[in-house]
Structures are given as structure tokens and as C-alpha cells.
PDB file of N, CA and C in Angstrom:
ATOM      1  N   MET A   1       1.895  16.598   5.042  1.00  0.00           N
ATOM      2  CA  MET A   1       0.198  16.592   5.476  1.00  0.00           C
ATOM      3  C   MET A   1       0.141  15.540   4.637  1.00  0.00           C
ATOM      4  N   THR A   2      -1.263  14.964   5.021  1.00  0.00           N
ATOM      5  CA  THR A   2      -1.721  13.953   4.092  1.00  0.00           C
ATOM      6  C   THR A   2      -2.884  13.949   3.622  1.00  0.00           C
ATOM      7  N   ALA A   3      -3.128  13.312   2.397  1.00  0.00           N
ATOM      8  CA  ALA A   3      -4.323  13.617   1.662  1.00  0.00           C
ATOM      9  C   ALA A   3      -5.007  12.524   1.404  1.00  0.00           C
ATOM     10  N   HIS A   4      -6.082  12.437   1.709  1.00  0.00           N
ATOM     11  CA  HIS A   4      -7.355  11.394   1.858  1.00  0.00           C
ATOM     12  C   HIS A   4      -7.652  11.481   0.404  1.00  0.00           C
ATOM     13  N   LEU A   5      -7.792   9.833  -0.529  1.00  0.00           N
ATOM     14  CA  LEU A   5      -8.029  10.268  -1.914  1.00  0.00           C
ATOM     15  C   LEU A   5      -9.483   9.157  -1.963  1.00  0.00           C
ATOM     16  N   ALA A   6     -10.450  10.063  -2.547  1.00  0.00           N
ATOM     17  CA  ALA A   6     -11.466   9.196  -2.111  1.00  0.00           C
ATOM     18  C   ALA A   6     -12.146   8.940  -3.577  1.00  0.00           C
ATOM     19  N   THR A   7     -12.713   8.068  -3.620  1.00  0.00           N
ATOM     20  CA  THR A   7     -13.360   7.425  -5.241  1.00  0.00           C
ATOM     21  C   THR A   7     -14.647   6.576  -4.836  1.00  0.00           C
ATOM     22  N   PRO A   8     -15.538   5.970  -5.617  1.00  0.00           N
ATOM     23  CA  PRO A   8     -16.421   5.404  -4.977  1.00  0.00           C
ATOM     24  C   PRO A   8     -16.020   3.858  -4.482  1.00  0.00           C
ATOM     25  N   LYS A   9     -15.137   3.365  -4.760  1.00  0.00           N
ATOM     26  CA  LYS A   9     -14.889   2.152  -4.421  1.00  0.00           C
ATOM     27  C   LYS A   9     -13.480   2.274  -3.693  1.00  0.00           C
ATOM     28  N   VAL A  10     -12.722   2.852  -3.534  1.00  0.00           N
ATOM     29  CA  VAL A  10     -11.493   2.839  -3.275  1.00  0.00           C
ATOM     30  C   VAL A  10     -11.024   4.299  -2.246  1.00  0.00           C
ATOM     31  N   GLU A  11     -10.354   4.119  -1.025  1.00  0.00           N
ATOM     32  CA  GLU A  11      -9.802   5.216  -0.434  1.00  0.00           C
ATOM     33  C   GLU A  11      -8.230   4.791  -0.084  1.00  0.00           C
ATOM     34  N   LYS A  12      -7.443   6.142  -0.201  1.00  0.00           N
ATOM     35  CA  LYS A  12      -5.914   5.831  -0.215  1.00  0.00           C
ATOM     36  C   LYS A  12      -5.733   7.040   0.539  1.00  0.00           C
ATOM     37  N   GLN A  13      -4.319   7.084   0.937  1.00  0.00           N
ATOM     38  CA  GLN A  13      -3.749   7.955   1.272  1.00  0.00           C
ATOM     39  C   GLN A  13      -2.410   8.485   0.886  1.00  0.00           C
ATOM     40  N   PHE A  14      -2.090   9.775   0.669  1.00  0.00           N
ATOM     41  CA  PHE A  14      -0.294   9.769   0.474  1.00  0.00           C
ATOM     42  C   PHE A  14      -0.048  11.123   1.204  1.00  0.00           C
ATOM     43  N   THR A  15       1.478  11.283   1.498  1.00  0.00           N
ATOM     44  CA  THR A  15       1.959  12.498   2.375  1.00  0.00           C
ATOM     45  C   THR A  15       2.298  13.115   1.464  1.00  0.00           C
ATOM     46  N   PHE A  16       2.332  14.837   1.376  1.00  0.00           N
ATOM     47  CA  PHE A  16       3.092  15.669   0.833  1.00  0.00           C
ATOM     48  C   PHE A  16       3.497  16.621   1.718  1.00  0.00           C
ATOM     49  N   GLU A  17       4.292  17.488   1.165  1.00  0.00           N
ATOM     50  CA  GLU A  17       4.517  18.723   1.957  1.00  0.00           C
ATOM     51  C   GLU A  17       3.577  19.679   1.623  1.00  0.00           C
ATOM     52  N   SER A  18       3.429  20.803   1.989  1.00  0.00           N
ATOM     53  CA  SER A  18       2.009  22.064   1.890  1.00  0.00           C
ATOM     54  C   SER A  18       2.876  22.903   1.032  1.00  0.00           C
ATOM     55  N   ASP A  19       4.404  22.755   0.851  1.00  0.00           N
ATOM     56  CA  ASP A  19       4.716  23.749  -0.070  1.00  0.00           C
ATOM     57  C   ASP A  19       4.944  22.998  -1.665  1.00  0.00           C
ATOM     58  N   ILE A  20       4.431  21.862  -1.657  1.00  0.00           N
ATOM     59  CA  ILE A  20       4.529  20.941  -3.013  1.00  0.00           C
ATOM     60  C   ILE A  20       4.102  22.116  -4.213  1.00  0.00           C
ATOM     61  N   ASP A  21       4.459  21.873  -5.362  1.00  0.00           N
ATOM     62  CA  ASP A  21       4.032  22.735  -6.560  1.00  0.00           C
ATOM     63  C   ASP A  21       2.756  22.105  -6.975  1.00  0.00           C
ATOM     64  N   TYR A  22       1.702  22.736  -7.614  1.00  0.00           N
ATOM     65  CA  TYR A  22       0.605  22.113  -8.193  1.00  0.00           C
ATOM     66  C   TYR A  22       0.514  20.975  -8.743  1.00  0.00           C
ATOM     67  N   VAL A  23       1.638  21.094  -9.865  1.00  0.00           N
ATOM     68  CA  VAL A  23       1.704  20.017 -10.759  1.00  0.00           C
ATOM     69  C   VAL A  23       2.315  18.903 -10.375  1.00  0.00           C
ATOM     70  N   ASP A  24       3.298  18.924  -9.556  1.00  0.00           N
ATOM     71  CA  ASP A  24       3.413  17.494  -8.663  1.00  0.00           C
ATOM     72  C   ASP A  24       2.358  17.025  -7.951  1.00  0.00           C
ATOM     73  N   PHE A  25       1.533  17.755  -7.266  1.00  0.00           N
ATOM     74  CA  PHE A  25       0.403  17.258  -6.485  1.00  0.00           C
ATOM     75  C   PHE A  25      -0.248  16.916  -7.555  1.00  0.00           C
ATOM     76  N   ARG A  26      -0.847  17.378  -8.319  1.00  0.00           N
ATOM     77  CA  ARG A  26      -1.836  16.890  -9.636  1.00  0.00           C
ATOM     78  C   ARG A  26      -1.454  15.475  -9.622  1.00  0.00           C
ATOM     79  N   SER A  27      -0.124  15.424 -10.147  1.00  0.00           N
ATOM     80  CA  SER A  27       0.194  14.306 -10.928  1.00  0.00           C
ATOM     81  C   SER A  27       0.496  13.087  -9.846  1.00  0.00           C
ATOM     82  N   ARG A  28       0.399  13.578  -8.760  1.00  0.00           N
ATOM     83  CA  ARG A  28       0.601  12.023  -7.655  1.00  0.00           C
ATOM     84  C   ARG A  28      -1.017  11.908  -7.276  1.00  0.00           C
ATOM     85  N   ALA A  29      -1.704  12.881  -7.117  1.00  0.00           N
ATOM     86  CA  ALA A  29      -2.893  12.774  -6.685  1.00  0.00           C
ATOM     87  C   ALA A  29      -3.509  11.935  -7.774  1.00  0.00           C
ATOM     88  N   CYS A  30      -3.391  12.103  -9.148  1.00  0.00           N
ATOM     89  CA  CYS A  30      -4.022  11.347  -9.996  1.00  0.00           C
ATOM     90  C   CYS A  30      -3.541   9.800 -10.101  1.00  0.00           C
ATOM     91  N   ALA A  31      -2.396   9.690  -9.976  1.00  0.00           N
ATOM     92  CA  ALA A  31      -1.317   8.328 -10.180  1.00  0.00           C
ATOM     93  C   ALA A  31      -2.143   7.650  -8.982  1.00  0.00           C
ATOM     94  N   ASN A  32      -2.164   8.369  -7.397  1.00  0.00           N
ATOM     95  CA  ASN A  32      -3.118   7.285  -6.202  1.00  0.00           C
ATOM     96  C   ASN A  32      -4.260   7.256  -6.902  1.00  0.00           C
ATOM     97  N   LEU A  33      -5.045   7.904  -7.512  1.00  0.00           N
ATOM     98  CA  LEU A  33      -6.562   7.590  -7.753  1.00  0.00           C
ATOM     99  C   LEU A  33      -6.714   6.873  -8.804  1.00  0.00           C
ATOM    100  N   ASP A  34      -5.408   6.398  -9.789  1.00  0.00           N
ATOM    101  CA  ASP A  34      -5.650   5.753 -10.761  1.00  0.00           C
ATOM    102  C   ASP A  34      -6.533   6.194 -11.899  1.00  0.00           C
ATOM    103  N   ILE A  35      -6.228   7.467 -12.123  1.00  0.00           N
ATOM    104  CA  ILE A  35      -6.664   8.182 -13.116  1.00  0.00           C
ATOM    105  C   ILE A  35      -5.929   8.763 -14.021  1.00  0.00           C
ATOM    106  N   ASP A  36      -6.432   8.973 -15.462  1.00  0.00           N
ATOM    107  CA  ASP A  36      -5.477   9.824 -16.037  1.00  0.00           C
ATOM    108  C   ASP A  36      -5.452  11.150 -16.178  1.00  0.00           C
ATOM    109  N   GLU A  37      -4.407  11.634 -15.761  1.00  0.00           N
ATOM    110  CA  GLU A  37      -4.299  13.444 -15.618  1.00  0.00           C
ATOM    111  C   GLU A  37      -5.102  13.895 -16.448  1.00  0.00           C
ATOM    112  N   PRO A  38      -4.944  13.806 -17.799  1.00  0.00           N
ATOM    113  CA  PRO A  38      -5.694  14.856 -18.897  1.00  0.00           C
ATOM    114  C   PRO A  38      -6.647  15.400 -18.375  1.00  0.00           C
ATOM    115  N   GLY A  39      -7.609  13.956 -18.020  1.00  0.00           N
ATOM    116  CA  GLY A  39      -9.165  13.979 -18.194  1.00  0.00           C
ATOM    117  C   GLY A  39      -9.545  14.466 -16.828  1.00  0.00           C
ATOM    118  N   ALA A  40      -8.462  14.273 -15.634  1.00  0.00           N
ATOM    119  CA  ALA A  40      -9.071  14.320 -14.098  1.00  0.00           C
ATOM    120  C   ALA A  40      -9.524  15.906 -13.897  1.00  0.00           C
ATOM    121  N   GLU A  41     -10.603  15.971 -13.430  1.00  0.00           N
ATOM    122  CA  GLU A  41     -11.297  17.039 -12.637  1.00  0.00           C
ATOM    123  C   GLU A  41     -11.251  16.905 -11.062  1.00  0.00           C
ATOM    124  N   LEU A  42     -10.180  17.313 -10.374  1.00  0.00           N
ATOM    125  CA  LEU A  42     -10.094  17.303  -8.990  1.00  0.00           C
ATOM    126  C   LEU A  42     -10.770  18.279  -8.134  1.00  0.00           C
ATOM    127  N   GLY A  43     -11.276  17.984  -7.184  1.00  0.00           N
ATOM    128  CA  GLY A  43     -11.892  18.847  -6.094  1.00  0.00           C
ATOM    129  C   GLY A  43     -11.431  18.367  -4.757  1.00  0.00           C
ATOM    130  N   TYR A  44     -11.628  19.386  -3.741  1.00  0.00           N
ATOM    131  CA  TYR A  44     -11.287  18.858  -2.589  1.00  0.00           C
ATOM    132  C   TYR A  44     -12.530  19.318  -1.006  1.00  0.00           C
ATOM    133  N   ARG A  45     -12.295  18.405  -0.036  1.00  0.00           N
ATOM    134  CA  ARG A  45     -12.794  18.954   1.048  1.00  0.00           C
ATOM    135  C   ARG A  45     -11.907  18.836   2.022  1.00  0.00           C
ATOM    136  N   ILE A  46     -12.162  19.565   3.316  1.00  0.00           N
ATOM    137  CA  ILE A  46     -11.629  19.581   4.357  1.00  0.00           C
ATOM    138  C   ILE A  46     -11.943  18.324   5.393  1.00  0.00           C
ATOM    139  N   SER A  47     -11.478  17.418   5.508  1.00  0.00           N
ATOM    140  CA  SER A  47     -11.380  16.231   6.447  1.00  0.00           C
ATOM    141  C   SER A  47     -11.629  16.768   7.740  1.00  0.00           C
ATOM    142  N   GLY A  48     -12.563  16.562   8.530  1.00  0.00           N
ATOM    143  CA  GLY A  48     -12.747  16.929  10.157  1.00  0.00           C
ATOM    144  C   GLY A  48     -13.468  18.021  10.122  1.00  0.00           C
ATOM    145  N   LEU A  49     -13.912  18.665   8.956  1.00  0.00           N
ATOM    146  CA  LEU A  49     -14.346  20.059   9.204  1.00  0.00           C
ATOM    147  C   LEU A  49     -15.827  20.165   8.371  1.00  0.00           C
ATOM    148  N   GLU A  50     -15.696  19.471   6.846  1.00  0.00           N
ATOM    149  CA  GLU A  50     -16.482  19.291   6.025  1.00  0.00           C
ATOM    150  C   GLU A  50     -16.935  17.716   5.704  1.00  0.00           C
ATOM    151  N   GLY A  51     -17.917  17.405   5.906  1.00  0.00           N
ATOM    152  CA  GLY A  51     -18.549  15.918   5.637  1.00  0.00           C
ATOM    153  C   GLY A  51     -18.955  15.855   4.385  1.00  0.00           C
ATOM    154  N   GLY A  52     -19.740  14.576   4.043  1.00  0.00           N
ATOM    155  CA  GLY A  52     -19.649  14.271   2.734  1.00  0.00           C
ATOM    156  C   GLY A  52     -20.778  14.840   2.083  1.00  0.00           C
ATOM    157  N   ARG A  53     -21.612  15.619   3.075  1.00  0.00           N
ATOM    158  CA  ARG A  53     -22.850  16.357   2.349  1.00  0.00           C
ATOM    159  C   ARG A  53     -22.344  17.860   1.497  1.00  0.00           C
ATOM    160  N   ILE A  54     -21.406  18.119   1.701  1.00  0.00           N
ATOM    161  CA  ILE A  54     -20.657  19.428   1.367  1.00  0.00           C
ATOM    162  C   ILE A  54     -20.092  19.190  -0.100  1.00  0.00           C
ATOM    163  N   LEU A  55     -20.337  19.994  -0.787  1.00  0.00           N
ATOM    164  CA  LEU A  55     -19.893  19.731  -2.365  1.00  0.00           C
ATOM    165  C   LEU A  55     -18.642  20.251  -2.235  1.00  0.00           C
ATOM    166  N   PRO A  56     -17.638  19.295  -2.911  1.00  0.00           N
ATOM    167  CA  PRO A  56     -16.035  19.544  -2.779  1.00  0.00           C
ATOM    168  C   PRO A  56     -15.791  21.075  -3.932  1.00  0.00           C
ATOM    169  N   LYS A  57     -14.698  21.894  -3.109  1.00  0.00           N
ATOM    170  CA  LYS A  57     -14.571  22.786  -3.857  1.00  0.00           C
ATOM    171  C   LYS A  57     -13.398  22.377  -5.288  1.00  0.00           C
ATOM    172  N   ALA A  58     -13.486  23.049  -5.901  1.00  0.00           N
ATOM    173  CA  ALA A  58     -12.613  22.883  -7.340  1.00  0.00           C
ATOM    174  C   ALA A  58     -11.170  22.870  -6.930  1.00  0.00           C
ATOM    175  N   LEU A  59     -10.437  22.026  -7.510  1.00  0.00           N
ATOM    176  CA  LEU A  59      -8.901  21.696  -7.240  1.00  0.00           C
ATOM    177  C   LEU A  59      -8.190  21.719  -8.486  1.00  0.00           C
ATOM    178  N   ASP A  60      -8.463  22.494  -9.599  1.00  0.00           N
ATOM    179  CA  ASP A  60      -8.147  22.383 -10.929  1.00  0.00           C
ATOM    180  C   ASP A  60      -7.065  23.530 -11.774  1.00  0.00           C
ATOM    181  N   SER A  61      -6.621  24.150 -10.369  1.00  0.00           N
ATOM    182  CA  SER A  61      -5.514  25.319 -10.972  1.00  0.00           C
ATOM    183  C   SER A  61      -4.534  25.402  -9.964  1.00  0.00           C
ATOM    184  N   ALA A  62      -3.413  26.020 -10.017  1.00  0.00           N
ATOM    185  CA  ALA A  62      -2.709  26.252  -9.200  1.00  0.00           C
ATOM    186  C   ALA A  62      -2.960  27.467  -8.111  1.00  0.00           C
ATOM    187  N   ASP A  63      -3.926  28.107  -8.419  1.00  0.00           N
ATOM    188  CA  ASP A  63      -4.626  28.986  -7.494  1.00  0.00           C
ATOM    189  C   ASP A  63      -5.488  28.396  -6.636  1.00  0.00           C
ATOM    190  N   HIS A  64      -6.168  27.285  -6.981  1.00  0.00           N
ATOM    191  CA  HIS A  64      -7.154  26.681  -6.420  1.00  0.00           C
ATOM    192  C   HIS A  64      -6.296  25.901  -5.393  1.00  0.00           C
ATOM    193  N   PHE A  65      -5.180  25.417  -5.718  1.00  0.00           N
ATOM    194  CA  PHE A  65      -4.498  24.757  -4.876  1.00  0.00           C
ATOM    195  C   PHE A  65      -3.821  25.359  -3.683  1.00  0.00           C
ATOM    196  N   MET A  66      -3.395  26.794  -4.109  1.00  0.00           N
ATOM    197  CA  MET A  66      -2.740  27.434  -2.871  1.00  0.00           C
ATOM    198  C   MET A  66      -3.565  27.607  -2.174  1.00  0.00           C
ATOM    199  N   ASN A  67      -4.912  28.233  -2.572  1.00  0.00           N
ATOM    200  CA  ASN A  67      -6.009  28.601  -1.531  1.00  0.00           C
ATOM    201  C   ASN A  67      -6.455  27.513  -0.808  1.00  0.00           C
ATOM    202  N   ALA A  68      -6.305  26.214  -1.192  1.00  0.00           N
ATOM    203  CA  ALA A  68      -6.737  25.071  -0.635  1.00  0.00           C
ATOM    204  C   ALA A  68      -5.629  24.579   0.712  1.00  0.00           C
ATOM    205  N   MET A  69      -4.218  25.070   0.384  1.00  0.00           N
ATOM    206  CA  MET A  69      -3.330  24.953   1.177  1.00  0.00           C
ATOM    207  C   MET A  69      -3.117  25.856   2.226  1.00  0.00           C
ATOM    208  N   SER A  70      -3.548  26.876   1.947  1.00  0.00           N
ATOM    209  CA  SER A  70      -3.791  28.079   3.091  1.00  0.00           C
ATOM    210  C   SER A  70      -4.951  27.948   3.548  1.00  0.00           C
ATOM    211  N   ARG A  71      -5.771  27.472   3.228  1.00  0.00           N
ATOM    212  CA  ARG A  71      -7.042  26.947   4.342  1.00  0.00           C
ATOM    213  C   ARG A  71      -6.966  26.016   5.398  1.00  0.00           C
ATOM    214  N   ILE A  72      -6.274  25.020   4.617  1.00  0.00           N
ATOM    215  CA  ILE A  72      -5.967  23.759   5.594  1.00  0.00           C
ATOM    216  C   ILE A  72      -4.764  24.038   6.408  1.00  0.00           C
ATOM    217  N   CYS A  73      -3.738  24.755   6.008  1.00  0.00           N
ATOM    218  CA  CYS A  73      -2.641  24.841   6.972  1.00  0.00           C
ATOM    219  C   CYS A  73      -3.419  26.154   8.279  1.00  0.00           C
ATOM    220  N   GLY A  74      -3.767  27.169   7.866  1.00  0.00           N
ATOM    221  CA  GLY A  74      -4.627  27.617   8.851  1.00  0.00           C
ATOM    222  C   GLY A  74      -5.453  27.010   9.964  1.00  0.00           C
ATOM    223  N   MET A  75      -6.318  25.897   9.093  1.00  0.00           N
ATOM    224  CA  MET A  75      -6.927  25.122  10.277  1.00  0.00           C
ATOM    225  C   MET A  75      -6.280  24.370  11.126  1.00  0.00           C
ATOM    226  N   ILE A  76      -4.998  23.642  10.754  1.00  0.00           N
ATOM    227  CA  ILE A  76      -3.985  22.781  11.241  1.00  0.00           C
ATOM    228  C   ILE A  76      -3.339  23.299  12.554  1.00  0.00           C
ATOM    229  N   GLN A  77      -3.049  25.099  12.058  1.00  0.00           N
ATOM    230  CA  GLN A  77      -2.180  25.854  12.901  1.00  0.00           C
ATOM    231  C   GLN A  77      -2.994  26.227  14.367  1.00  0.00           C
ATOM    232  N   ARG A  78      -4.384  26.171  14.113  1.00  0.00           N
ATOM    233  CA  ARG A  78      -5.536  26.686  15.008  1.00  0.00           C
ATOM    234  C   ARG A  78      -5.842  25.287  15.840  1.00  0.00           C
ATOM    235  N   ALA A  79      -5.627  24.192  15.095  1.00  0.00           N
ATOM    236  CA  ALA A  79      -6.419  22.965  15.790  1.00  0.00           C
ATOM    237  C   ALA A  79      -5.409  22.715  17.134  1.00  0.00           C
ATOM    238  N   ARG A  80      -6.150  22.405  18.068  1.00  0.00           N
ATOM    239  CA  ARG A  80      -5.908  21.744  19.675  1.00  0.00           C
ATOM    240  C   ARG A  80      -5.833  20.514  19.591  1.00  0.00           C
ATOM    241  N   THR A  81      -7.211  20.084  19.463  1.00  0.00           N
ATOM    242  CA  THR A  81      -7.301  18.391  19.917  1.00  0.00           C
ATOM    243  C   THR A  81      -7.858  17.906  18.383  1.00  0.00           C
ATOM    244  N   LYS A  82      -8.413  18.361  17.337  1.00  0.00           N
ATOM    245  CA  LYS A  82      -8.809  17.899  16.256  1.00  0.00           C
ATOM    246  C   LYS A  82      -8.094  17.675  15.400  1.00  0.00           C
ATOM    247  N   GLU A  83      -7.889  16.745  14.665  1.00  0.00           N
ATOM    248  CA  GLU A  83      -7.077  16.286  13.349  1.00  0.00           C
ATOM    249  C   GLU A  83      -7.900  16.719  11.829  1.00  0.00           C
ATOM    250  N   TYR A  84      -7.357  17.529  11.153  1.00  0.00           N
ATOM    251  CA  TYR A  84      -7.624  17.741   9.872  1.00  0.00           C
ATOM    252  C   TYR A  84      -6.690  17.449   8.647  1.00  0.00           C
ATOM    253  N   GLY A  85      -7.434  16.968   7.431  1.00  0.00           N
ATOM    254  CA  GLY A  85      -6.646  16.782   6.373  1.00  0.00           C
ATOM    255  C   GLY A  85      -7.464  17.442   5.129  1.00  0.00           C
ATOM    256  N   ILE A  86      -6.935  16.840   3.980  1.00  0.00           N
ATOM    257  CA  ILE A  86      -7.529  17.057   2.655  1.00  0.00           C
ATOM    258  C   ILE A  86      -8.008  15.967   2.169  1.00  0.00           C
ATOM    259  N   GLU A  87      -9.309  16.284   1.672  1.00  0.00           N
ATOM    260  CA  GLU A  87      -9.630  14.947   1.158  1.00  0.00           C
ATOM    261  C   GLU A  87      -9.631  15.148  -0.576  1.00  0.00           C
ATOM    262  N   VAL A  88      -9.282  14.680  -1.777  1.00  0.00           N
ATOM    263  CA  VAL A  88      -9.100  14.885  -2.916  1.00  0.00           C
ATOM    264  C   VAL A  88     -10.310  13.922  -3.608  1.00  0.00           C
ATOM    265  N   ILE A  89     -10.643  14.557  -4.373  1.00  0.00           N
ATOM    266  CA  ILE A  89     -11.855  13.643  -5.034  1.00  0.00           C
ATOM    267  C   ILE A  89     -11.948  13.888  -6.614  1.00  0.00           C
ATOM    268  N   ASN A  90     -12.192  12.547  -7.270  1.00  0.00           N
ATOM    269  CA  ASN A  90     -12.241  12.865  -8.405  1.00  0.00           C
ATOM    270  C   ASN A  90     -13.593  13.255  -8.844  1.00  0.00           C
ATOM    271  N   MET A  91     -13.658  14.383  -9.391  1.00  0.00           N
ATOM    272  CA  MET A  91     -15.202  14.823  -9.690  1.00  0.00           C
ATOM    273  C   MET A  91     -15.768  14.164 -10.901  1.00  0.00           C
ATOM    274  N   VAL A  92     -14.917  13.801 -11.927  1.00  0.00           N
ATOM    275  CA  VAL A  92     -15.844  13.426 -13.081  1.00  0.00           C
ATOM    276  C   VAL A  92     -16.400  11.762 -12.406  1.00  0.00           C
ATOM    277  N   SER A  93     -15.847  11.183 -11.600  1.00  0.00           N
ATOM    278  CA  SER A  93     -16.598  10.020 -11.281  1.00  0.00           C
ATOM    279  C   SER A  93     -17.780  10.252 -10.176  1.00  0.00           C
ATOM    280  N   ARG A  94     -18.010  11.327  -9.754  1.00  0.00           N
ATOM    281  CA  ARG A  94     -19.052  11.969  -8.957  1.00  0.00           C
ATOM    282  C   ARG A  94     -20.329  11.872  -9.779  1.00  0.00           C
ATOM    283  N   LEU A  95     -19.931  12.574 -11.078  1.00  0.00           N
ATOM    284  CA  LEU A  95     -21.238  13.365 -11.758  1.00  0.00           C
ATOM    285  C   LEU A  95     -21.458  11.662 -12.866  1.00  0.00           C
ATOM    286  N   VAL A  96     -21.163  10.602 -12.431  1.00  0.00           N
ATOM    287  CA  VAL A  96     -21.225   9.511 -13.305  1.00  0.00           C
ATOM    288  C   VAL A  96     -22.330   8.755 -12.489  1.00  0.00           C
TER     289      VAL A  96
END
């Protein structure tokens, strides 16, 4: 699975397995977003389904992460021609 990381000035991608644990995912996402992990407030949107007008959903706990992975994996399994991914957002930078 590929994560699309979005900040106001930078877009990056990294690939990960859908069964990665939340701590590893959060560490990799924060490193790729160049943000300090302790102060990070992550959110997500499903790329290919939810556009920029949709507010990101919280991604700040293992439960949120499991729900996100379940949701995106279900979308991918049902997809025929459309590509879906997860867009990870630093919610703190959106508030400033």
C-alpha cells in the first residue's frame, strides 16, 4: 500500500504493508512528513474517493489506524479500475 503524505508545500509517498502496526506507521509517516512525532496530530483521507473538501478523519490511535486500514483495504478489494490510496495529513499544519 502507498501512503500519500500531504503538507502545504510538500507531497511525498511511501509504501507499507497493510498489516504494519500503528507505532511503526506513525513513526514512518512523521519521518516522511519531517515533523516531530510527539507533537504530531495525523489525519487521513481516502485518495480516489475523498477530495480536498472532505475533512480528514483522525489517525491518532491504533483503533483509528485499524479502522482506516479496514476501510481502504475494503475499497481496494472492490475496485475494478479506480485506484485508491490513503492520504496522510499533519492536522497541526492545517490549523495554522
